Amino acid sequence: MKTNNAKLNQQKILIAPSILSADFAYMGEAVIAMEKAGADWIHCDVMDGQFVPNITFGFKLVEDIRKLTRLPLDVHLMIVEPERYVDRFIGSGADIVTIHYEAANDPKTSLQQIRKRGVKAGISINPDTPVSVLNDLYEYCDLVLLMSVFPGFGGQSFIKESLERLKSLVYHAKHANPNILIEIDGGVTLENASLIKQAGVEILVAGNTIFSSPNYKKAIELLRKG
């Protein structure tokens, strides 16, 4: 299914539901429900059991989801040596591919590899990685994803120090590359979304907050409005 590319470049706050929190037995229904509820992107957390202590899904699920939605697929690779698999995830339908600074052998080369395939390239850092490690990489990125929990499992609580890290990230990233998008993932709730947005984020990844709600559309609207 062809992506709605306009959704990749909007200036409003974007909401990217993480399907890690969906019932995997009904993944197709969950993705369709997210699009109907007003989601902007679909966030796909790919975990390998090595970089993080969990295993989720791979190429086949991304490929199958691609057939069901026109929303951009935001594929977050929490895997070691992501450069080995970037091309296959792009071939499966990813519109944004985000790698981890801590997991890539050569982050700059990996980001260039992603961009050469015509999709958006993202870089992510863990809560204990200094924001400064990204200073030389912003020009090669379309997106930076700040983890506000340690990656591996959904439903964790937001690490409060992430707000100051986010402000620093926004300042340095936007000065280096004004067009870069700032995304946050981990513990985003209706209670803290407003503060997170005030710090300068543009894309909120939310899993449990949306999927545990009896009304997906309302949850997405409230996250967007804060």
N, C-alpha and C. Protein backbone atom coordinates (compact mmCIF):
# COMPACT_ATOMS: atom_id res chain seq x y z
N MET A 1 0.86 -1.20 0.00
CA MET A 1 0.00 0.00 0.00
C MET A 1 0.89 1.24 0.00
N LYS A 2 0.55 2.20 -0.83
CA LYS A 2 1.36 3.41 -0.96
C LYS A 2 1.24 4.28 0.28
N THR A 3 2.39 4.80 0.74
CA THR A 3 2.42 5.66 1.92
C THR A 3 1.85 7.04 1.62
N ASN A 4 1.19 7.61 2.61
CA ASN A 4 0.77 9.01 2.53
C ASN A 4 1.96 9.86 2.93
N ASN A 5 2.77 10.29 1.94
CA ASN A 5 4.02 10.99 2.23
C ASN A 5 3.82 12.33 2.90
N ALA A 6 2.65 12.94 2.73
CA ALA A 6 2.40 14.22 3.39
C ALA A 6 2.49 14.07 4.90
N LYS A 7 2.16 12.89 5.39
CA LYS A 7 2.20 12.64 6.83
C LYS A 7 3.62 12.65 7.37
N LEU A 8 4.61 12.57 6.47
CA LEU A 8 6.00 12.56 6.92
C LEU A 8 6.51 13.96 7.23
N ASN A 9 5.83 14.99 6.74
CA ASN A 9 6.41 16.33 6.79
C ASN A 9 5.53 17.37 7.46
N GLN A 10 4.48 16.96 8.14
CA GLN A 10 3.60 17.91 8.79
C GLN A 10 4.29 18.55 9.99
N GLN A 11 3.88 19.80 10.29
CA GLN A 11 4.51 20.54 11.37
C GLN A 11 3.82 20.34 12.72
N LYS A 12 2.62 19.80 12.73
CA LYS A 12 1.93 19.57 13.99
C LYS A 12 2.63 18.47 14.78
N ILE A 13 2.22 18.33 16.05
CA ILE A 13 2.71 17.21 16.86
C ILE A 13 2.19 15.92 16.25
N LEU A 14 3.10 15.01 15.98
CA LEU A 14 2.72 13.73 15.40
C LEU A 14 2.64 12.67 16.49
N ILE A 15 1.66 11.79 16.36
CA ILE A 15 1.49 10.68 17.30
C ILE A 15 1.78 9.38 16.57
N ALA A 16 2.73 8.62 17.13
CA ALA A 16 3.15 7.35 16.53
C ALA A 16 2.89 6.21 17.52
N PRO A 17 1.72 5.59 17.45
CA PRO A 17 1.44 4.48 18.36
C PRO A 17 2.45 3.34 18.17
N SER A 18 2.95 2.83 19.29
CA SER A 18 3.88 1.71 19.24
C SER A 18 3.10 0.40 19.27
N ILE A 19 3.21 -0.37 18.20
CA ILE A 19 2.46 -1.62 18.14
C ILE A 19 3.05 -2.70 19.03
N LEU A 20 4.13 -2.38 19.72
CA LEU A 20 4.65 -3.30 20.73
C LEU A 20 3.60 -3.55 21.80
N SER A 21 2.70 -2.57 22.01
CA SER A 21 1.67 -2.69 23.04
C SER A 21 0.38 -3.31 22.52
N ALA A 22 0.33 -3.63 21.24
CA ALA A 22 -0.87 -4.25 20.67
C ALA A 22 -0.89 -5.74 21.00
N ASP A 23 -2.05 -6.35 20.84
CA ASP A 23 -2.18 -7.80 20.94
C ASP A 23 -1.65 -8.39 19.64
N PHE A 24 -0.54 -9.10 19.70
CA PHE A 24 0.10 -9.59 18.48
C PHE A 24 -0.80 -10.54 17.70
N ALA A 25 -1.76 -11.17 18.37
CA ALA A 25 -2.68 -12.07 17.68
C ALA A 25 -3.65 -11.31 16.79
N TYR A 26 -3.77 -10.00 17.03
CA TYR A 26 -4.70 -9.17 16.26
C TYR A 26 -3.98 -7.93 15.72
N MET A 27 -2.76 -8.12 15.25
CA MET A 27 -1.94 -6.98 14.85
C MET A 27 -2.55 -6.21 13.68
N GLY A 28 -3.09 -6.93 12.71
CA GLY A 28 -3.69 -6.25 11.57
C GLY A 28 -4.83 -5.34 11.98
N GLU A 29 -5.70 -5.86 12.84
CA GLU A 29 -6.82 -5.07 13.33
C GLU A 29 -6.33 -3.85 14.11
N ALA A 30 -5.25 -4.04 14.86
CA ALA A 30 -4.71 -2.94 15.67
C ALA A 30 -4.18 -1.81 14.79
N VAL A 31 -3.48 -2.16 13.74
CA VAL A 31 -2.93 -1.14 12.83
C VAL A 31 -4.06 -0.38 12.15
N ILE A 32 -5.05 -1.09 11.67
CA ILE A 32 -6.20 -0.44 11.02
C ILE A 32 -6.91 0.48 12.00
N ALA A 33 -7.05 0.02 13.26
CA ALA A 33 -7.71 0.84 14.29
C ALA A 33 -6.92 2.11 14.57
N MET A 34 -5.60 2.02 14.56
CA MET A 34 -4.78 3.21 14.81
C MET A 34 -4.96 4.24 13.70
N GLU A 35 -5.01 3.78 12.47
CA GLU A 35 -5.20 4.72 11.36
C GLU A 35 -6.57 5.38 11.47
N LYS A 36 -7.59 4.61 11.75
CA LYS A 36 -8.95 5.17 11.89
C LYS A 36 -9.03 6.14 13.05
N ALA A 37 -8.22 5.91 14.08
CA ALA A 37 -8.27 6.76 15.29
C ALA A 37 -7.49 8.06 15.12
N GLY A 38 -6.80 8.22 14.00
CA GLY A 38 -6.10 9.48 13.75
C GLY A 38 -4.60 9.46 13.98
N ALA A 39 -4.00 8.28 14.12
CA ALA A 39 -2.54 8.21 14.27
C ALA A 39 -1.86 8.79 13.04
N ASP A 40 -0.65 9.31 13.23
CA ASP A 40 0.12 9.88 12.13
C ASP A 40 1.11 8.89 11.55
N TRP A 41 1.78 8.17 12.41
CA TRP A 41 2.73 7.14 12.00
C TRP A 41 2.41 5.87 12.77
N ILE A 42 2.95 4.75 12.32
CA ILE A 42 2.93 3.50 13.06
C ILE A 42 4.37 3.19 13.47
N HIS A 43 4.60 3.08 14.79
CA HIS A 43 5.95 2.85 15.31
C HIS A 43 6.15 1.35 15.52
N CYS A 44 7.19 0.82 14.89
CA CYS A 44 7.48 -0.62 14.94
C CYS A 44 8.80 -0.85 15.67
N ASP A 45 8.74 -1.42 16.86
CA ASP A 45 9.93 -1.68 17.67
C ASP A 45 10.48 -3.06 17.34
N VAL A 46 11.61 -3.09 16.67
CA VAL A 46 12.26 -4.34 16.29
C VAL A 46 13.37 -4.63 17.30
N MET A 47 13.26 -5.76 18.00
CA MET A 47 14.22 -6.11 19.05
C MET A 47 14.79 -7.49 18.80
N ASP A 48 16.08 -7.64 19.09
CA ASP A 48 16.78 -8.88 18.72
C ASP A 48 17.17 -9.78 19.88
N GLY A 49 16.89 -9.38 21.12
CA GLY A 49 17.29 -10.19 22.25
C GLY A 49 18.76 -10.08 22.61
N GLN A 50 19.50 -9.23 21.89
CA GLN A 50 20.92 -9.02 22.17
C GLN A 50 21.19 -7.59 22.60
N PHE A 51 20.82 -6.63 21.75
CA PHE A 51 20.97 -5.23 22.14
C PHE A 51 20.02 -4.89 23.29
N VAL A 52 18.86 -5.49 23.28
CA VAL A 52 17.88 -5.33 24.36
C VAL A 52 17.42 -6.72 24.79
N PRO A 53 16.95 -6.86 26.04
CA PRO A 53 16.57 -8.18 26.55
C PRO A 53 15.15 -8.60 26.17
N ASN A 54 14.83 -8.48 24.89
CA ASN A 54 13.51 -8.88 24.42
C ASN A 54 13.60 -9.15 22.93
N ILE A 55 12.70 -9.97 22.43
CA ILE A 55 12.61 -10.27 21.00
C ILE A 55 11.19 -9.95 20.57
N THR A 56 11.05 -9.21 19.46
CA THR A 56 9.71 -8.84 19.02
C THR A 56 9.39 -9.44 17.65
N PHE A 57 9.66 -8.69 16.60
CA PHE A 57 9.28 -9.15 15.26
C PHE A 57 10.27 -8.63 14.24
N GLY A 58 10.08 -9.05 12.98
CA GLY A 58 11.05 -8.70 11.95
C GLY A 58 10.43 -8.27 10.64
N PHE A 59 11.11 -8.66 9.55
CA PHE A 59 10.74 -8.18 8.21
C PHE A 59 9.31 -8.54 7.83
N LYS A 60 8.90 -9.76 8.12
CA LYS A 60 7.60 -10.26 7.66
C LYS A 60 6.46 -9.43 8.22
N LEU A 61 6.53 -9.10 9.50
CA LEU A 61 5.44 -8.32 10.08
C LEU A 61 5.40 -6.92 9.48
N VAL A 62 6.56 -6.31 9.31
CA VAL A 62 6.59 -4.98 8.68
C VAL A 62 5.99 -5.05 7.28
N GLU A 63 6.35 -6.06 6.54
CA GLU A 63 5.83 -6.24 5.18
C GLU A 63 4.31 -6.40 5.19
N ASP A 64 3.79 -7.19 6.12
CA ASP A 64 2.35 -7.42 6.20
C ASP A 64 1.59 -6.16 6.64
N ILE A 65 2.17 -5.42 7.57
CA ILE A 65 1.55 -4.16 8.02
C ILE A 65 1.49 -3.17 6.87
N ARG A 66 2.55 -3.16 6.06
CA ARG A 66 2.60 -2.23 4.93
C ARG A 66 1.38 -2.38 4.00
N LYS A 67 0.87 -3.58 3.89
CA LYS A 67 -0.27 -3.85 3.02
C LYS A 67 -1.58 -3.28 3.57
N LEU A 68 -1.59 -2.95 4.86
CA LEU A 68 -2.83 -2.59 5.54
C LEU A 68 -3.03 -1.10 5.76
N THR A 69 -1.97 -0.30 5.61
CA THR A 69 -2.08 1.11 5.97
C THR A 69 -1.26 1.99 5.04
N ARG A 70 -1.73 3.22 4.87
CA ARG A 70 -0.99 4.22 4.12
C ARG A 70 -0.15 5.09 5.05
N LEU A 71 -0.26 4.88 6.35
CA LEU A 71 0.53 5.66 7.30
C LEU A 71 2.01 5.31 7.18
N PRO A 72 2.89 6.28 7.38
CA PRO A 72 4.32 5.98 7.39
C PRO A 72 4.68 4.97 8.48
N LEU A 73 5.52 4.02 8.13
CA LEU A 73 6.00 3.03 9.10
C LEU A 73 7.34 3.50 9.65
N ASP A 74 7.34 3.73 10.95
CA ASP A 74 8.48 4.26 11.69
C ASP A 74 9.17 3.07 12.36
N VAL A 75 10.18 2.54 11.70
CA VAL A 75 10.81 1.28 12.15
C VAL A 75 12.04 1.59 12.98
N HIS A 76 11.97 1.20 14.24
CA HIS A 76 13.00 1.48 15.24
C HIS A 76 13.79 0.20 15.48
N LEU A 77 15.03 0.17 14.99
CA LEU A 77 15.86 -1.03 15.08
C LEU A 77 16.67 -1.04 16.37
N MET A 78 16.20 -1.82 17.32
CA MET A 78 16.94 -2.03 18.58
C MET A 78 17.68 -3.35 18.45
N ILE A 79 18.65 -3.36 17.54
CA ILE A 79 19.37 -4.58 17.20
C ILE A 79 20.85 -4.26 17.00
N VAL A 80 21.69 -5.24 17.26
CA VAL A 80 23.12 -5.05 17.05
C VAL A 80 23.42 -5.07 15.55
N GLU A 81 24.40 -4.30 15.15
CA GLU A 81 24.81 -4.20 13.76
C GLU A 81 23.60 -3.99 12.83
N PRO A 82 22.84 -2.92 13.05
CA PRO A 82 21.64 -2.70 12.24
C PRO A 82 21.93 -2.55 10.75
N GLU A 83 23.16 -2.16 10.43
CA GLU A 83 23.51 -1.99 9.02
C GLU A 83 23.33 -3.26 8.21
N ARG A 84 23.35 -4.42 8.88
CA ARG A 84 23.17 -5.69 8.16
C ARG A 84 21.74 -5.87 7.67
N TYR A 85 20.79 -5.16 8.29
CA TYR A 85 19.38 -5.42 8.01
C TYR A 85 18.61 -4.22 7.46
N VAL A 86 19.27 -3.08 7.38
CA VAL A 86 18.60 -1.85 6.94
C VAL A 86 17.91 -2.05 5.59
N ASP A 87 18.62 -2.59 4.62
CA ASP A 87 18.05 -2.73 3.28
C ASP A 87 16.81 -3.62 3.28
N ARG A 88 16.82 -4.66 4.08
CA ARG A 88 15.67 -5.57 4.09
C ARG A 88 14.46 -4.92 4.74
N PHE A 89 14.67 -4.12 5.76
CA PHE A 89 13.52 -3.43 6.36
C PHE A 89 12.96 -2.37 5.43
N ILE A 90 13.83 -1.70 4.70
CA ILE A 90 13.35 -0.73 3.71
C ILE A 90 12.57 -1.46 2.62
N GLY A 91 13.08 -2.58 2.19
CA GLY A 91 12.38 -3.39 1.19
C GLY A 91 11.05 -3.92 1.68
N SER A 92 10.91 -4.05 2.98
CA SER A 92 9.66 -4.54 3.57
C SER A 92 8.62 -3.44 3.71
N GLY A 93 9.04 -2.18 3.50
CA GLY A 93 8.06 -1.10 3.53
C GLY A 93 8.30 0.00 4.53
N ALA A 94 9.43 0.01 5.20
CA ALA A 94 9.72 1.07 6.17
C ALA A 94 9.86 2.41 5.47
N ASP A 95 9.29 3.45 6.08
CA ASP A 95 9.43 4.82 5.57
C ASP A 95 10.48 5.60 6.35
N ILE A 96 10.65 5.23 7.61
CA ILE A 96 11.68 5.81 8.48
C ILE A 96 12.40 4.63 9.12
N VAL A 97 13.72 4.63 9.07
CA VAL A 97 14.50 3.59 9.74
C VAL A 97 15.41 4.28 10.74
N THR A 98 15.24 3.93 12.02
CA THR A 98 16.05 4.51 13.09
C THR A 98 16.95 3.44 13.68
N ILE A 99 18.23 3.76 13.73
CA ILE A 99 19.22 2.86 14.32
C ILE A 99 19.66 3.43 15.67
N HIS A 100 20.30 2.60 16.48
CA HIS A 100 20.83 3.07 17.76
C HIS A 100 22.31 3.40 17.61
N TYR A 101 22.68 4.55 18.14
CA TYR A 101 24.08 4.95 18.16
C TYR A 101 24.92 3.87 18.82
N GLU A 102 24.40 3.29 19.90
CA GLU A 102 25.17 2.34 20.70
C GLU A 102 25.35 0.99 19.99
N ALA A 103 24.52 0.71 18.97
CA ALA A 103 24.51 -0.62 18.36
C ALA A 103 25.17 -0.68 16.98
N ALA A 104 25.33 0.48 16.35
CA ALA A 104 25.88 0.51 14.99
C ALA A 104 27.41 0.55 15.01
N ASN A 105 28.02 -0.18 14.11
CA ASN A 105 29.48 -0.14 14.00
C ASN A 105 29.97 1.22 13.54
N ASP A 106 29.23 1.82 12.62
CA ASP A 106 29.60 3.13 12.06
C ASP A 106 28.29 3.89 11.81
N PRO A 107 27.80 4.62 12.82
CA PRO A 107 26.50 5.30 12.68
C PRO A 107 26.39 6.19 11.45
N LYS A 108 27.44 6.95 11.15
CA LYS A 108 27.39 7.86 10.01
C LYS A 108 27.17 7.09 8.71
N THR A 109 27.92 6.05 8.51
CA THR A 109 27.77 5.26 7.30
C THR A 109 26.40 4.61 7.21
N SER A 110 25.90 4.14 8.35
CA SER A 110 24.57 3.51 8.37
C SER A 110 23.48 4.50 8.01
N LEU A 111 23.58 5.72 8.53
CA LEU A 111 22.60 6.76 8.21
C LEU A 111 22.65 7.10 6.73
N GLN A 112 23.85 7.19 6.17
CA GLN A 112 23.98 7.47 4.74
C GLN A 112 23.40 6.33 3.90
N GLN A 113 23.59 5.12 4.38
CA GLN A 113 23.05 3.94 3.70
C GLN A 113 21.53 4.01 3.62
N ILE A 114 20.90 4.43 4.72
CA ILE A 114 19.44 4.54 4.76
C ILE A 114 18.95 5.62 3.81
N ARG A 115 19.58 6.78 3.86
CA ARG A 115 19.17 7.88 3.00
C ARG A 115 19.33 7.56 1.51
N LYS A 116 20.35 6.82 1.18
CA LYS A 116 20.58 6.47 -0.23
C LYS A 116 19.43 5.63 -0.78
N ARG A 117 18.71 4.96 0.10
CA ARG A 117 17.57 4.15 -0.33
C ARG A 117 16.30 4.97 -0.43
N GLY A 118 16.38 6.27 -0.14
CA GLY A 118 15.23 7.14 -0.35
C GLY A 118 14.24 7.20 0.79
N VAL A 119 14.63 6.74 1.98
CA VAL A 119 13.75 6.85 3.15
C VAL A 119 14.43 7.73 4.20
N LYS A 120 13.67 8.09 5.22
CA LYS A 120 14.21 8.96 6.26
C LYS A 120 15.09 8.15 7.22
N ALA A 121 16.19 8.78 7.62
CA ALA A 121 17.16 8.12 8.50
C ALA A 121 17.10 8.72 9.90
N GLY A 122 17.01 7.84 10.89
CA GLY A 122 16.96 8.30 12.27
C GLY A 122 18.05 7.68 13.12
N ILE A 123 18.42 8.38 14.18
CA ILE A 123 19.38 7.86 15.16
C ILE A 123 18.77 7.98 16.54
N SER A 124 19.00 6.97 17.37
CA SER A 124 18.44 6.96 18.72
C SER A 124 19.54 6.76 19.74
N ILE A 125 19.32 7.32 20.94
CA ILE A 125 20.25 7.10 22.06
C ILE A 125 19.49 6.68 23.30
N ASN A 126 20.15 5.87 24.10
CA ASN A 126 19.59 5.39 25.37
C ASN A 126 19.69 6.46 26.46
N PRO A 127 18.98 6.26 27.56
CA PRO A 127 18.98 7.27 28.64
C PRO A 127 20.34 7.54 29.26
N ASP A 128 21.27 6.59 29.18
CA ASP A 128 22.58 6.79 29.78
C ASP A 128 23.66 7.16 28.77
N THR A 129 23.26 7.49 27.55
CA THR A 129 24.21 7.92 26.53
C THR A 129 24.18 9.44 26.43
N PRO A 130 25.32 10.11 26.54
CA PRO A 130 25.33 11.57 26.46
C PRO A 130 24.79 12.08 25.13
N VAL A 131 24.00 13.12 25.18
CA VAL A 131 23.45 13.72 23.97
C VAL A 131 24.58 14.20 23.05
N SER A 132 25.69 14.57 23.63
CA SER A 132 26.81 15.12 22.87
C SER A 132 27.40 14.15 21.84
N VAL A 133 27.14 12.85 21.99
CA VAL A 133 27.71 11.90 21.02
C VAL A 133 27.12 12.10 19.63
N LEU A 134 25.99 12.82 19.55
CA LEU A 134 25.32 13.02 18.27
C LEU A 134 25.78 14.27 17.54
N ASN A 135 26.66 15.05 18.15
CA ASN A 135 27.01 16.37 17.59
C ASN A 135 27.49 16.33 16.15
N ASP A 136 28.18 15.27 15.77
CA ASP A 136 28.72 15.18 14.41
C ASP A 136 27.82 14.41 13.46
N LEU A 137 26.63 14.05 13.92
CA LEU A 137 25.76 13.20 13.11
C LEU A 137 24.48 13.88 12.64
N TYR A 138 24.15 15.03 13.19
CA TYR A 138 22.86 15.65 12.87
C TYR A 138 22.68 15.92 11.38
N GLU A 139 23.73 16.26 10.70
CA GLU A 139 23.59 16.58 9.28
C GLU A 139 23.25 15.36 8.44
N TYR A 140 23.45 14.17 9.00
CA TYR A 140 23.17 12.94 8.27
C TYR A 140 21.82 12.33 8.67
N CYS A 141 21.09 13.03 9.54
CA CYS A 141 19.83 12.50 10.08
C CYS A 141 18.63 13.30 9.61
N ASP A 142 17.52 12.62 9.49
CA ASP A 142 16.23 13.28 9.32
C ASP A 142 15.47 13.31 10.63
N LEU A 143 15.89 12.48 11.57
CA LEU A 143 15.16 12.31 12.84
C LEU A 143 16.12 11.88 13.93
N VAL A 144 15.87 12.37 15.15
CA VAL A 144 16.58 11.88 16.33
C VAL A 144 15.55 11.39 17.34
N LEU A 145 15.74 10.19 17.82
CA LEU A 145 14.82 9.58 18.78
C LEU A 145 15.50 9.48 20.15
N LEU A 146 14.95 10.19 21.11
CA LEU A 146 15.47 10.13 22.47
C LEU A 146 14.68 9.08 23.25
N MET A 147 15.38 8.09 23.78
CA MET A 147 14.72 7.09 24.62
C MET A 147 14.59 7.66 26.03
N SER A 148 13.36 7.68 26.53
CA SER A 148 13.10 8.18 27.89
C SER A 148 12.83 7.04 28.85
N VAL A 149 13.11 5.81 28.41
CA VAL A 149 13.20 4.62 29.26
C VAL A 149 14.33 3.78 28.65
N PHE A 150 14.78 2.79 29.39
CA PHE A 150 15.76 1.87 28.81
C PHE A 150 15.01 0.90 27.90
N PRO A 151 15.44 0.78 26.65
CA PRO A 151 14.67 0.01 25.67
C PRO A 151 14.62 -1.48 25.99
N GLY A 152 13.53 -2.09 25.55
CA GLY A 152 13.37 -3.53 25.71
C GLY A 152 11.95 -3.94 26.01
N PHE A 153 11.24 -3.12 26.78
CA PHE A 153 9.88 -3.48 27.18
C PHE A 153 8.99 -2.25 27.23
N GLY A 154 7.72 -2.44 26.89
CA GLY A 154 6.74 -1.38 26.98
C GLY A 154 6.24 -1.23 28.40
N GLY A 155 5.54 -0.13 28.66
CA GLY A 155 4.90 0.06 29.95
C GLY A 155 5.78 0.60 31.05
N GLN A 156 7.01 1.03 30.72
CA GLN A 156 7.91 1.57 31.74
C GLN A 156 7.57 3.03 32.06
N SER A 157 8.04 3.48 33.22
CA SER A 157 7.79 4.86 33.65
C SER A 157 8.82 5.81 33.03
N PHE A 158 8.37 6.97 32.67
CA PHE A 158 9.21 8.02 32.10
C PHE A 158 10.32 8.41 33.06
N ILE A 159 11.55 8.46 32.58
CA ILE A 159 12.70 8.89 33.38
C ILE A 159 12.72 10.42 33.40
N LYS A 160 12.50 11.01 34.56
CA LYS A 160 12.28 12.46 34.64
C LYS A 160 13.45 13.28 34.11
N GLU A 161 14.67 12.76 34.23
CA GLU A 161 15.84 13.50 33.72
C GLU A 161 15.80 13.64 32.20
N SER A 162 14.92 12.90 31.56
CA SER A 162 14.83 12.95 30.10
C SER A 162 14.38 14.31 29.60
N LEU A 163 13.65 15.06 30.40
CA LEU A 163 13.19 16.38 29.97
C LEU A 163 14.36 17.32 29.70
N GLU A 164 15.33 17.34 30.61
CA GLU A 164 16.49 18.20 30.40
C GLU A 164 17.34 17.71 29.24
N ARG A 165 17.44 16.40 29.11
CA ARG A 165 18.17 15.84 27.97
C ARG A 165 17.48 16.21 26.65
N LEU A 166 16.17 16.19 26.68
CA LEU A 166 15.40 16.54 25.49
C LEU A 166 15.64 17.99 25.09
N LYS A 167 15.62 18.88 26.08
CA LYS A 167 15.86 20.30 25.79
C LYS A 167 17.24 20.51 25.17
N SER A 168 18.24 19.84 25.71
CA SER A 168 19.59 19.94 25.17
C SER A 168 19.65 19.40 23.74
N LEU A 169 19.00 18.26 23.55
CA LEU A 169 18.97 17.65 22.21
C LEU A 169 18.32 18.58 21.20
N VAL A 170 17.18 19.15 21.55
CA VAL A 170 16.47 20.05 20.65
C VAL A 170 17.37 21.23 20.27
N TYR A 171 18.00 21.81 21.28
CA TYR A 171 18.85 22.99 21.03
C TYR A 171 19.97 22.67 20.05
N HIS A 172 20.71 21.63 20.32
CA HIS A 172 21.87 21.31 19.48
C HIS A 172 21.47 20.77 18.12
N ALA A 173 20.45 19.91 18.09
CA ALA A 173 20.04 19.31 16.82
C ALA A 173 19.48 20.35 15.86
N LYS A 174 18.64 21.24 16.37
CA LYS A 174 18.01 22.24 15.50
C LYS A 174 19.02 23.29 15.01
N HIS A 175 20.03 23.57 15.82
CA HIS A 175 21.07 24.50 15.36
C HIS A 175 21.91 23.87 14.25
N ALA A 176 22.12 22.58 14.35
CA ALA A 176 22.94 21.90 13.35
C ALA A 176 22.14 21.57 12.09
N ASN A 177 20.86 21.26 12.26
CA ASN A 177 20.01 20.83 11.15
C ASN A 177 18.57 21.25 11.45
N PRO A 178 18.17 22.45 11.01
CA PRO A 178 16.84 22.98 11.33
C PRO A 178 15.68 22.09 10.90
N ASN A 179 15.91 21.23 9.92
CA ASN A 179 14.83 20.38 9.40
C ASN A 179 14.71 19.04 10.12
N ILE A 180 15.60 18.78 11.06
CA ILE A 180 15.58 17.50 11.75
C ILE A 180 14.33 17.38 12.63
N LEU A 181 13.79 16.18 12.73
CA LEU A 181 12.61 15.92 13.57
C LEU A 181 13.06 15.32 14.90
N ILE A 182 12.39 15.71 15.97
CA ILE A 182 12.74 15.23 17.30
C ILE A 182 11.61 14.34 17.82
N GLU A 183 11.96 13.12 18.16
CA GLU A 183 11.00 12.12 18.60
C GLU A 183 11.38 11.62 19.99
N ILE A 184 10.40 11.23 20.78
CA ILE A 184 10.67 10.66 22.10
C ILE A 184 9.86 9.38 22.28
N ASP A 185 10.44 8.43 22.99
CA ASP A 185 9.81 7.12 23.15
C ASP A 185 10.08 6.60 24.56
N GLY A 186 8.99 6.29 25.27
CA GLY A 186 9.14 5.67 26.58
C GLY A 186 8.41 6.39 27.68
N GLY A 187 7.35 5.79 28.19
CA GLY A 187 6.65 6.36 29.33
C GLY A 187 5.86 7.61 29.03
N VAL A 188 5.50 7.82 27.77
CA VAL A 188 4.70 8.99 27.41
C VAL A 188 3.25 8.75 27.81
N THR A 189 2.71 9.66 28.62
CA THR A 189 1.35 9.51 29.13
C THR A 189 0.56 10.79 28.92
N LEU A 190 -0.73 10.72 29.20
CA LEU A 190 -1.57 11.92 29.12
C LEU A 190 -1.14 12.95 30.15
N GLU A 191 -0.54 12.49 31.23
CA GLU A 191 -0.13 13.39 32.31
C GLU A 191 1.15 14.15 32.00
N ASN A 192 2.07 13.54 31.26
CA ASN A 192 3.35 14.21 31.01
C ASN A 192 3.52 14.71 29.58
N ALA A 193 2.57 14.44 28.72
CA ALA A 193 2.71 14.81 27.30
C ALA A 193 2.91 16.31 27.11
N SER A 194 2.21 17.12 27.90
CA SER A 194 2.32 18.56 27.75
C SER A 194 3.74 19.05 28.05
N LEU A 195 4.32 18.57 29.15
CA LEU A 195 5.69 18.96 29.50
C LEU A 195 6.69 18.51 28.45
N ILE A 196 6.48 17.32 27.93
CA ILE A 196 7.39 16.80 26.91
C ILE A 196 7.33 17.67 25.66
N LYS A 197 6.13 18.05 25.27
CA LYS A 197 5.98 18.89 24.07
C LYS A 197 6.57 20.28 24.28
N GLN A 198 6.43 20.80 25.48
CA GLN A 198 7.00 22.11 25.78
C GLN A 198 8.52 22.10 25.65
N ALA A 199 9.12 20.94 25.83
CA ALA A 199 10.58 20.82 25.71
C ALA A 199 11.03 20.80 24.25
N GLY A 200 10.08 20.71 23.32
CA GLY A 200 10.44 20.85 21.91
C GLY A 200 10.28 19.61 21.05
N VAL A 201 9.69 18.57 21.59
CA VAL A 201 9.52 17.35 20.81
C VAL A 201 8.47 17.55 19.72
N GLU A 202 8.59 16.80 18.65
CA GLU A 202 7.63 16.89 17.53
C GLU A 202 6.88 15.59 17.29
N ILE A 203 7.42 14.48 17.76
CA ILE A 203 6.78 13.17 17.55
C ILE A 203 6.74 12.43 18.88
N LEU A 204 5.55 12.05 19.30
CA LEU A 204 5.37 11.28 20.52
C LEU A 204 5.09 9.83 20.17
N VAL A 205 5.93 8.94 20.67
CA VAL A 205 5.66 7.51 20.56
C VAL A 205 4.95 7.09 21.84
N ALA A 206 3.82 6.43 21.69
CA ALA A 206 3.06 6.00 22.86
C ALA A 206 2.49 4.61 22.59
N GLY A 207 2.64 3.74 23.56
CA GLY A 207 2.13 2.38 23.42
C GLY A 207 0.97 2.11 24.36
N ASN A 208 1.30 1.86 25.62
CA ASN A 208 0.27 1.52 26.60
C ASN A 208 -0.77 2.62 26.76
N THR A 209 -0.33 3.87 26.70
CA THR A 209 -1.27 4.98 26.88
C THR A 209 -2.39 4.92 25.86
N ILE A 210 -2.08 4.51 24.65
CA ILE A 210 -3.11 4.42 23.61
C ILE A 210 -3.83 3.08 23.66
N PHE A 211 -3.07 1.99 23.67
CA PHE A 211 -3.70 0.68 23.55
C PHE A 211 -4.48 0.25 24.80
N SER A 212 -4.19 0.88 25.94
CA SER A 212 -4.96 0.56 27.15
C SER A 212 -6.19 1.45 27.28
N SER A 213 -6.34 2.40 26.39
CA SER A 213 -7.48 3.31 26.45
C SER A 213 -8.72 2.67 25.83
N PRO A 214 -9.90 2.90 26.40
CA PRO A 214 -11.13 2.38 25.80
C PRO A 214 -11.51 3.14 24.53
N ASN A 215 -10.85 4.28 24.30
CA ASN A 215 -11.16 5.11 23.14
C ASN A 215 -9.85 5.57 22.52
N TYR A 216 -9.38 4.85 21.49
CA TYR A 216 -8.10 5.16 20.87
C TYR A 216 -8.08 6.59 20.32
N LYS A 217 -9.13 6.98 19.65
CA LYS A 217 -9.18 8.30 19.02
C LYS A 217 -9.03 9.40 20.06
N LYS A 218 -9.74 9.27 21.19
CA LYS A 218 -9.66 10.28 22.24
C LYS A 218 -8.26 10.33 22.83
N ALA A 219 -7.65 9.16 23.05
CA ALA A 219 -6.31 9.11 23.61
C ALA A 219 -5.31 9.82 22.70
N ILE A 220 -5.42 9.58 21.40
CA ILE A 220 -4.52 10.22 20.44
C ILE A 220 -4.74 11.73 20.42
N GLU A 221 -5.99 12.15 20.44
CA GLU A 221 -6.30 13.59 20.45
C GLU A 221 -5.75 14.27 21.70
N LEU A 222 -5.90 13.61 22.85
CA LEU A 222 -5.42 14.20 24.09
C LEU A 222 -3.89 14.28 24.12
N LEU A 223 -3.23 13.27 23.60
CA LEU A 223 -1.77 13.31 23.52
C LEU A 223 -1.31 14.46 22.62
N ARG A 224 -2.00 14.64 21.51
CA ARG A 224 -1.62 15.68 20.57
C ARG A 224 -1.83 17.09 21.15
N LYS A 225 -2.95 17.25 21.86
CA LYS A 225 -3.28 18.55 22.41
C LYS A 225 -2.55 18.85 23.70
N GLY A 226 -2.31 17.81 24.50
CA GLY A 226 -1.63 17.99 25.78
C GLY A 226 -2.52 18.69 26.77
